[in-house]
N, C-alpha and C. Protein backbone atom coordinates (compact mmCIF):
# COMPACT_ATOMS: atom_id res chain seq x y z
N MET A 1 -52.51 14.55 17.79
CA MET A 1 -51.85 15.03 16.60
C MET A 1 -52.68 14.63 15.39
N ASN A 2 -52.96 15.56 14.54
CA ASN A 2 -53.76 15.23 13.36
C ASN A 2 -52.85 14.93 12.18
N CYS A 3 -53.44 14.47 11.11
CA CYS A 3 -52.69 14.06 9.91
C CYS A 3 -51.95 15.23 9.28
N LYS A 4 -52.53 16.40 9.36
CA LYS A 4 -51.92 17.59 8.76
C LYS A 4 -50.59 17.92 9.45
N THR A 5 -50.57 17.84 10.76
CA THR A 5 -49.35 18.12 11.53
C THR A 5 -48.29 17.06 11.26
N ILE A 6 -48.67 15.81 11.21
CA ILE A 6 -47.73 14.72 10.93
C ILE A 6 -47.13 14.89 9.54
N PHE A 7 -47.97 15.17 8.55
CA PHE A 7 -47.49 15.38 7.18
C PHE A 7 -46.52 16.55 7.10
N ARG A 8 -46.84 17.66 7.77
CA ARG A 8 -45.98 18.85 7.75
C ARG A 8 -44.62 18.53 8.41
N ASN A 9 -44.63 17.85 9.53
CA ASN A 9 -43.38 17.50 10.22
C ASN A 9 -42.54 16.53 9.39
N LEU A 10 -43.19 15.57 8.75
CA LEU A 10 -42.48 14.63 7.89
C LEU A 10 -41.87 15.36 6.69
N HIS A 11 -42.63 16.24 6.11
CA HIS A 11 -42.16 17.03 4.97
C HIS A 11 -40.95 17.89 5.36
N LEU A 12 -41.02 18.52 6.53
CA LEU A 12 -39.91 19.34 7.03
C LEU A 12 -38.67 18.47 7.28
N ALA A 13 -38.84 17.28 7.85
CA ALA A 13 -37.71 16.39 8.13
C ALA A 13 -37.04 15.95 6.84
N VAL A 14 -37.81 15.61 5.82
CA VAL A 14 -37.25 15.20 4.53
C VAL A 14 -36.50 16.37 3.89
N PHE A 15 -37.07 17.57 3.97
CA PHE A 15 -36.43 18.76 3.41
C PHE A 15 -35.08 19.02 4.09
N VAL A 16 -35.05 18.96 5.41
CA VAL A 16 -33.80 19.20 6.16
C VAL A 16 -32.77 18.12 5.81
N LEU A 17 -33.18 16.88 5.71
CA LEU A 17 -32.27 15.80 5.36
C LEU A 17 -31.69 16.01 3.96
N CYS A 18 -32.54 16.35 3.00
CA CYS A 18 -32.05 16.59 1.63
C CYS A 18 -31.08 17.76 1.56
N MET A 19 -31.38 18.84 2.24
CA MET A 19 -30.49 20.01 2.25
C MET A 19 -29.15 19.65 2.91
N GLY A 20 -29.20 18.86 3.95
CA GLY A 20 -27.97 18.43 4.61
C GLY A 20 -27.09 17.61 3.68
N LEU A 21 -27.71 16.72 2.91
CA LEU A 21 -26.95 15.91 1.97
C LEU A 21 -26.38 16.74 0.82
N ILE A 22 -27.13 17.73 0.38
CA ILE A 22 -26.66 18.57 -0.73
C ILE A 22 -25.53 19.49 -0.29
N LEU A 23 -25.66 20.07 0.88
CA LEU A 23 -24.69 21.06 1.33
C LEU A 23 -23.48 20.47 2.04
N CYS A 24 -23.56 19.22 2.42
CA CYS A 24 -22.48 18.56 3.13
C CYS A 24 -21.30 18.34 2.20
N PRO A 25 -20.07 18.74 2.60
CA PRO A 25 -18.91 18.49 1.74
C PRO A 25 -18.62 17.01 1.65
N LYS A 26 -18.20 16.59 0.51
CA LYS A 26 -17.87 15.18 0.31
C LYS A 26 -16.49 14.91 0.89
N ASP A 27 -16.41 13.99 1.84
CA ASP A 27 -15.15 13.62 2.47
C ASP A 27 -14.61 12.41 1.73
N THR A 28 -13.77 12.66 0.75
CA THR A 28 -13.25 11.58 -0.08
C THR A 28 -11.76 11.68 -0.20
N ALA A 29 -11.13 10.55 -0.33
CA ALA A 29 -9.68 10.53 -0.49
C ALA A 29 -9.29 10.50 -1.96
N ALA A 30 -10.24 10.76 -2.83
CA ALA A 30 -9.94 10.75 -4.26
C ALA A 30 -8.87 11.78 -4.56
N PHE A 31 -8.05 11.47 -5.50
CA PHE A 31 -6.90 12.32 -5.81
C PHE A 31 -6.73 12.36 -7.31
N SER A 32 -6.59 13.55 -7.85
CA SER A 32 -6.36 13.65 -9.29
C SER A 32 -5.23 14.63 -9.55
N LEU A 33 -4.54 14.40 -10.63
CA LEU A 33 -3.44 15.26 -11.02
C LEU A 33 -3.88 16.23 -12.08
N LYS A 34 -3.46 17.49 -11.94
CA LYS A 34 -3.70 18.48 -12.98
C LYS A 34 -2.62 18.30 -14.06
N SER A 35 -2.86 18.85 -15.23
CA SER A 35 -1.89 18.69 -16.32
C SER A 35 -0.55 19.33 -15.96
N SER A 36 -0.55 20.43 -15.19
CA SER A 36 0.72 21.04 -14.79
C SER A 36 1.50 20.13 -13.85
N ASP A 37 0.78 19.38 -12.99
CA ASP A 37 1.43 18.42 -12.10
C ASP A 37 2.04 17.27 -12.91
N ILE A 38 1.31 16.79 -13.90
CA ILE A 38 1.81 15.70 -14.74
C ILE A 38 3.05 16.16 -15.50
N ASP A 39 3.03 17.37 -16.05
CA ASP A 39 4.20 17.91 -16.76
C ASP A 39 5.41 17.95 -15.84
N ARG A 40 5.19 18.36 -14.62
CA ARG A 40 6.28 18.46 -13.65
C ARG A 40 6.87 17.09 -13.36
N ILE A 41 6.02 16.09 -13.18
CA ILE A 41 6.48 14.73 -12.90
C ILE A 41 7.23 14.15 -14.10
N VAL A 42 6.68 14.35 -15.29
CA VAL A 42 7.26 13.77 -16.49
C VAL A 42 8.57 14.44 -16.87
N HIS A 43 8.68 15.75 -16.68
CA HIS A 43 9.82 16.49 -17.20
C HIS A 43 10.84 16.94 -16.16
N SER A 44 10.63 16.62 -14.90
CA SER A 44 11.61 17.07 -13.91
C SER A 44 12.05 15.92 -13.03
N GLY A 45 13.10 16.14 -12.30
CA GLY A 45 13.59 15.12 -11.39
C GLY A 45 12.82 15.16 -10.08
N THR A 46 13.11 14.24 -9.22
CA THR A 46 12.46 14.17 -7.92
C THR A 46 12.74 15.44 -7.14
N ASP A 47 11.69 16.03 -6.56
CA ASP A 47 11.91 17.24 -5.77
C ASP A 47 11.45 17.07 -4.32
N TYR A 48 11.12 15.84 -3.93
CA TYR A 48 10.73 15.59 -2.55
C TYR A 48 11.34 14.28 -2.12
N GLN A 49 11.94 14.27 -0.93
CA GLN A 49 12.53 13.05 -0.39
C GLN A 49 12.40 13.07 1.12
N ILE A 50 12.05 11.92 1.69
CA ILE A 50 11.93 11.81 3.14
C ILE A 50 12.39 10.42 3.57
N ASN A 51 13.08 10.35 4.68
CA ASN A 51 13.54 9.09 5.27
C ASN A 51 12.81 8.95 6.59
N THR A 52 11.88 8.01 6.67
CA THR A 52 11.04 7.89 7.86
C THR A 52 10.48 6.47 7.97
N LEU A 53 9.58 6.25 8.92
CA LEU A 53 8.98 4.93 9.12
C LEU A 53 7.70 4.77 8.32
N PHE A 54 7.53 3.59 7.75
CA PHE A 54 6.32 3.22 7.02
C PHE A 54 5.24 2.88 8.03
N MET A 55 4.07 3.49 7.89
CA MET A 55 3.01 3.28 8.88
C MET A 55 1.84 2.45 8.34
N GLU A 56 1.30 2.84 7.19
CA GLU A 56 0.16 2.10 6.65
C GLU A 56 0.05 2.30 5.15
N ILE A 57 -0.71 1.40 4.52
CA ILE A 57 -0.97 1.50 3.09
C ILE A 57 -2.46 1.29 2.85
N ASN A 58 -3.02 2.10 1.98
CA ASN A 58 -4.41 1.94 1.55
C ASN A 58 -4.37 1.73 0.04
N GLN A 59 -4.45 0.48 -0.36
CA GLN A 59 -4.34 0.14 -1.78
C GLN A 59 -5.55 0.60 -2.56
N LYS A 60 -6.72 0.57 -1.95
CA LYS A 60 -7.95 0.97 -2.64
C LYS A 60 -7.92 2.45 -3.00
N GLU A 61 -7.49 3.29 -2.07
CA GLU A 61 -7.45 4.74 -2.29
C GLU A 61 -6.09 5.21 -2.80
N ALA A 62 -5.13 4.31 -2.94
CA ALA A 62 -3.80 4.57 -3.51
C ALA A 62 -3.00 5.62 -2.74
N TYR A 63 -2.81 5.36 -1.45
CA TYR A 63 -1.92 6.21 -0.68
C TYR A 63 -1.25 5.40 0.42
N VAL A 64 -0.13 5.92 0.91
CA VAL A 64 0.55 5.35 2.06
C VAL A 64 0.70 6.46 3.10
N VAL A 65 0.90 6.04 4.33
CA VAL A 65 1.20 6.99 5.39
C VAL A 65 2.58 6.63 5.91
N VAL A 66 3.49 7.59 5.84
CA VAL A 66 4.84 7.41 6.35
C VAL A 66 5.14 8.60 7.26
N GLY A 67 5.65 8.33 8.43
CA GLY A 67 5.96 9.42 9.35
C GLY A 67 4.80 10.37 9.55
N GLU A 68 3.57 9.83 9.58
CA GLU A 68 2.33 10.58 9.75
C GLU A 68 2.06 11.56 8.60
N ILE A 69 2.64 11.31 7.44
CA ILE A 69 2.41 12.12 6.24
C ILE A 69 1.74 11.24 5.20
N THR A 70 0.66 11.72 4.61
CA THR A 70 -0.02 10.98 3.55
C THR A 70 0.70 11.22 2.24
N ILE A 71 1.11 10.14 1.61
CA ILE A 71 1.80 10.19 0.32
C ILE A 71 0.94 9.42 -0.68
N TYR A 72 0.58 10.06 -1.78
CA TYR A 72 -0.24 9.43 -2.80
C TYR A 72 0.64 8.62 -3.76
N LEU A 73 0.07 7.57 -4.31
CA LEU A 73 0.79 6.69 -5.22
C LEU A 73 0.40 7.01 -6.66
N MET A 74 1.37 6.94 -7.57
CA MET A 74 1.13 7.23 -8.98
C MET A 74 0.71 5.98 -9.73
N ASP A 75 -0.17 6.17 -10.68
CA ASP A 75 -0.52 5.12 -11.64
C ASP A 75 -1.28 5.79 -12.77
N PHE A 76 -0.55 6.33 -13.75
CA PHE A 76 -1.17 7.00 -14.88
C PHE A 76 -0.29 6.88 -16.10
N LYS A 77 -0.89 7.13 -17.24
CA LYS A 77 -0.15 7.11 -18.51
C LYS A 77 -0.12 8.52 -19.08
N ALA A 78 1.04 8.88 -19.61
CA ALA A 78 1.21 10.19 -20.25
C ALA A 78 2.25 10.06 -21.34
N GLY A 79 1.93 10.55 -22.50
CA GLY A 79 2.88 10.48 -23.60
C GLY A 79 3.32 9.08 -23.95
N GLY A 80 2.42 8.13 -23.84
CA GLY A 80 2.75 6.76 -24.19
C GLY A 80 3.57 6.02 -23.14
N LYS A 81 3.79 6.63 -22.01
CA LYS A 81 4.59 6.00 -20.95
C LYS A 81 3.73 5.82 -19.70
N HIS A 82 3.93 4.72 -18.99
CA HIS A 82 3.18 4.42 -17.78
C HIS A 82 4.00 4.83 -16.56
N TYR A 83 3.44 5.69 -15.73
CA TYR A 83 4.11 6.16 -14.51
C TYR A 83 3.42 5.52 -13.31
N ARG A 84 4.21 4.73 -12.54
CA ARG A 84 3.68 4.07 -11.35
C ARG A 84 4.69 4.17 -10.22
N THR A 85 4.18 4.26 -9.03
CA THR A 85 5.05 4.24 -7.86
C THR A 85 5.64 2.84 -7.73
N VAL A 86 6.95 2.79 -7.58
CA VAL A 86 7.63 1.51 -7.45
C VAL A 86 8.04 1.32 -5.98
N PHE A 87 7.85 0.11 -5.49
CA PHE A 87 8.27 -0.27 -4.14
C PHE A 87 9.51 -1.14 -4.28
N VAL A 88 10.57 -0.79 -3.56
CA VAL A 88 11.82 -1.54 -3.62
C VAL A 88 12.09 -2.12 -2.23
N ASP A 89 12.13 -3.44 -2.14
CA ASP A 89 12.35 -4.07 -0.83
C ASP A 89 13.84 -4.07 -0.48
N ASP A 90 14.17 -4.62 0.68
CA ASP A 90 15.55 -4.60 1.17
C ASP A 90 16.50 -5.48 0.37
N ARG A 91 15.98 -6.34 -0.53
CA ARG A 91 16.83 -7.14 -1.42
C ARG A 91 17.00 -6.50 -2.79
N GLY A 92 16.31 -5.38 -3.00
CA GLY A 92 16.40 -4.70 -4.29
C GLY A 92 15.33 -5.11 -5.29
N ASP A 93 14.44 -6.01 -4.88
CA ASP A 93 13.35 -6.43 -5.75
C ASP A 93 12.29 -5.34 -5.82
N THR A 94 11.73 -5.13 -7.00
CA THR A 94 10.72 -4.09 -7.18
C THR A 94 9.33 -4.70 -7.33
N SER A 95 8.34 -3.93 -6.91
CA SER A 95 6.94 -4.33 -7.06
C SER A 95 6.09 -3.07 -7.12
N TYR A 96 4.81 -3.28 -7.39
CA TYR A 96 3.87 -2.17 -7.46
C TYR A 96 2.79 -2.37 -6.41
N VAL A 97 1.98 -1.39 -6.20
CA VAL A 97 1.05 -1.35 -5.08
C VAL A 97 0.15 -2.58 -4.99
N ALA A 98 -0.27 -3.15 -6.09
CA ALA A 98 -1.19 -4.30 -6.06
C ALA A 98 -0.59 -5.51 -5.37
N SER A 99 0.73 -5.65 -5.40
CA SER A 99 1.35 -6.83 -4.81
C SER A 99 2.07 -6.55 -3.48
N VAL A 100 1.93 -5.35 -2.96
CA VAL A 100 2.59 -4.99 -1.70
C VAL A 100 1.76 -5.48 -0.52
N LYS A 101 2.41 -6.14 0.42
CA LYS A 101 1.74 -6.59 1.64
C LYS A 101 2.12 -5.64 2.78
N ALA A 102 1.12 -5.04 3.38
CA ALA A 102 1.34 -4.05 4.44
C ALA A 102 2.18 -4.61 5.58
N SER A 103 1.96 -5.87 5.92
CA SER A 103 2.66 -6.47 7.05
C SER A 103 4.17 -6.53 6.83
N GLN A 104 4.61 -6.58 5.58
CA GLN A 104 6.04 -6.64 5.30
C GLN A 104 6.69 -5.26 5.31
N TRP A 105 5.90 -4.21 5.31
CA TRP A 105 6.44 -2.85 5.25
C TRP A 105 6.21 -2.08 6.53
N LYS A 106 5.14 -2.38 7.26
CA LYS A 106 4.78 -1.60 8.44
C LYS A 106 5.91 -1.59 9.48
N GLY A 107 6.27 -0.39 9.93
CA GLY A 107 7.31 -0.23 10.93
C GLY A 107 8.72 -0.21 10.37
N LYS A 108 8.88 -0.43 9.08
CA LYS A 108 10.20 -0.43 8.45
C LYS A 108 10.60 0.99 8.07
N ARG A 109 11.89 1.26 8.10
CA ARG A 109 12.39 2.56 7.67
C ARG A 109 12.45 2.57 6.15
N VAL A 110 11.92 3.65 5.56
CA VAL A 110 11.86 3.77 4.11
C VAL A 110 12.34 5.15 3.67
N ILE A 111 12.77 5.20 2.42
CA ILE A 111 13.07 6.47 1.77
C ILE A 111 12.03 6.65 0.67
N VAL A 112 11.27 7.74 0.76
CA VAL A 112 10.26 8.05 -0.24
C VAL A 112 10.81 9.17 -1.11
N LYS A 113 10.81 8.94 -2.42
CA LYS A 113 11.22 9.96 -3.38
C LYS A 113 10.00 10.28 -4.23
N GLY A 114 9.76 11.56 -4.45
CA GLY A 114 8.59 11.92 -5.23
C GLY A 114 8.52 13.40 -5.52
N TYR A 115 7.29 13.90 -5.56
CA TYR A 115 7.04 15.27 -5.98
C TYR A 115 6.04 15.93 -5.05
N LYS A 116 6.32 17.16 -4.65
CA LYS A 116 5.36 17.96 -3.90
C LYS A 116 4.65 18.84 -4.91
N LEU A 117 3.33 18.67 -5.00
CA LEU A 117 2.55 19.37 -5.99
C LEU A 117 2.11 20.75 -5.49
N ASP A 118 1.63 21.57 -6.41
CA ASP A 118 1.18 22.91 -6.05
C ASP A 118 0.07 22.87 -5.01
N SER A 119 -0.73 21.82 -5.02
CA SER A 119 -1.83 21.67 -4.06
C SER A 119 -1.33 21.33 -2.66
N GLY A 120 -0.04 20.99 -2.53
CA GLY A 120 0.52 20.59 -1.26
C GLY A 120 0.57 19.08 -1.09
N ASN A 121 -0.14 18.35 -1.95
CA ASN A 121 -0.10 16.88 -1.90
C ASN A 121 1.28 16.38 -2.35
N ILE A 122 1.64 15.22 -1.86
CA ILE A 122 2.91 14.61 -2.21
C ILE A 122 2.61 13.31 -2.95
N VAL A 123 3.28 13.11 -4.08
CA VAL A 123 3.12 11.91 -4.89
C VAL A 123 4.44 11.18 -4.92
N ALA A 124 4.41 9.87 -4.64
CA ALA A 124 5.64 9.08 -4.57
C ALA A 124 6.01 8.51 -5.93
N GLU A 125 7.27 8.65 -6.27
CA GLU A 125 7.82 7.98 -7.44
C GLU A 125 8.36 6.61 -7.03
N SER A 126 9.02 6.56 -5.86
CA SER A 126 9.54 5.30 -5.35
C SER A 126 9.51 5.30 -3.83
N ILE A 127 9.33 4.11 -3.28
CA ILE A 127 9.39 3.89 -1.84
C ILE A 127 10.33 2.72 -1.65
N GLU A 128 11.43 2.98 -0.96
CA GLU A 128 12.48 1.98 -0.83
C GLU A 128 12.79 1.70 0.63
N LYS A 129 12.81 0.41 0.99
CA LYS A 129 13.19 0.02 2.35
C LYS A 129 14.67 0.33 2.55
N VAL A 130 14.99 0.85 3.72
CA VAL A 130 16.37 1.11 4.08
C VAL A 130 16.93 -0.15 4.70
N THR A 131 18.03 -0.62 4.15
CA THR A 131 18.63 -1.85 4.70
C THR A 131 19.37 -1.53 5.99
N ASN A 132 19.26 -2.45 6.93
CA ASN A 132 19.94 -2.31 8.21
C ASN A 132 21.30 -2.97 8.09
N ARG A 133 22.33 -2.21 7.98
CA ARG A 133 23.68 -2.76 7.77
C ARG A 133 24.40 -3.07 9.07
N HIS A 134 23.85 -2.58 10.19
CA HIS A 134 24.48 -2.80 11.49
C HIS A 134 23.72 -3.87 12.24
N LYS A 135 24.35 -5.04 12.41
CA LYS A 135 23.68 -6.12 13.12
C LYS A 135 24.51 -6.59 14.28
């Protein structure tokens, strides 16, 4: 193999790699709200509710999985007001995503109240543990 062939093959490999990186769709869990979605959240009542089991939480990407459904968490300001998903434990104490421990919620029955957006994504206004009254 001469230097010309090696250089051509290396050049072709770099070209294919660059094209793959450019054309490859970005697989990201990033989530953003459109202004119409924000208006709907700010000016309307809850339009989505589900009673199911809590499965997992991803605090970094701001979502939870309940009943195998991905629910995004709110944390934004609009009109001078701060909108955040509130977590309510079985004693009625409230907290926000930064202080939620997955181990205390996993496998628990919860009621999620929120909004189904035009994109099909669901955003939670509140996630509340269901108390077990039958012992």
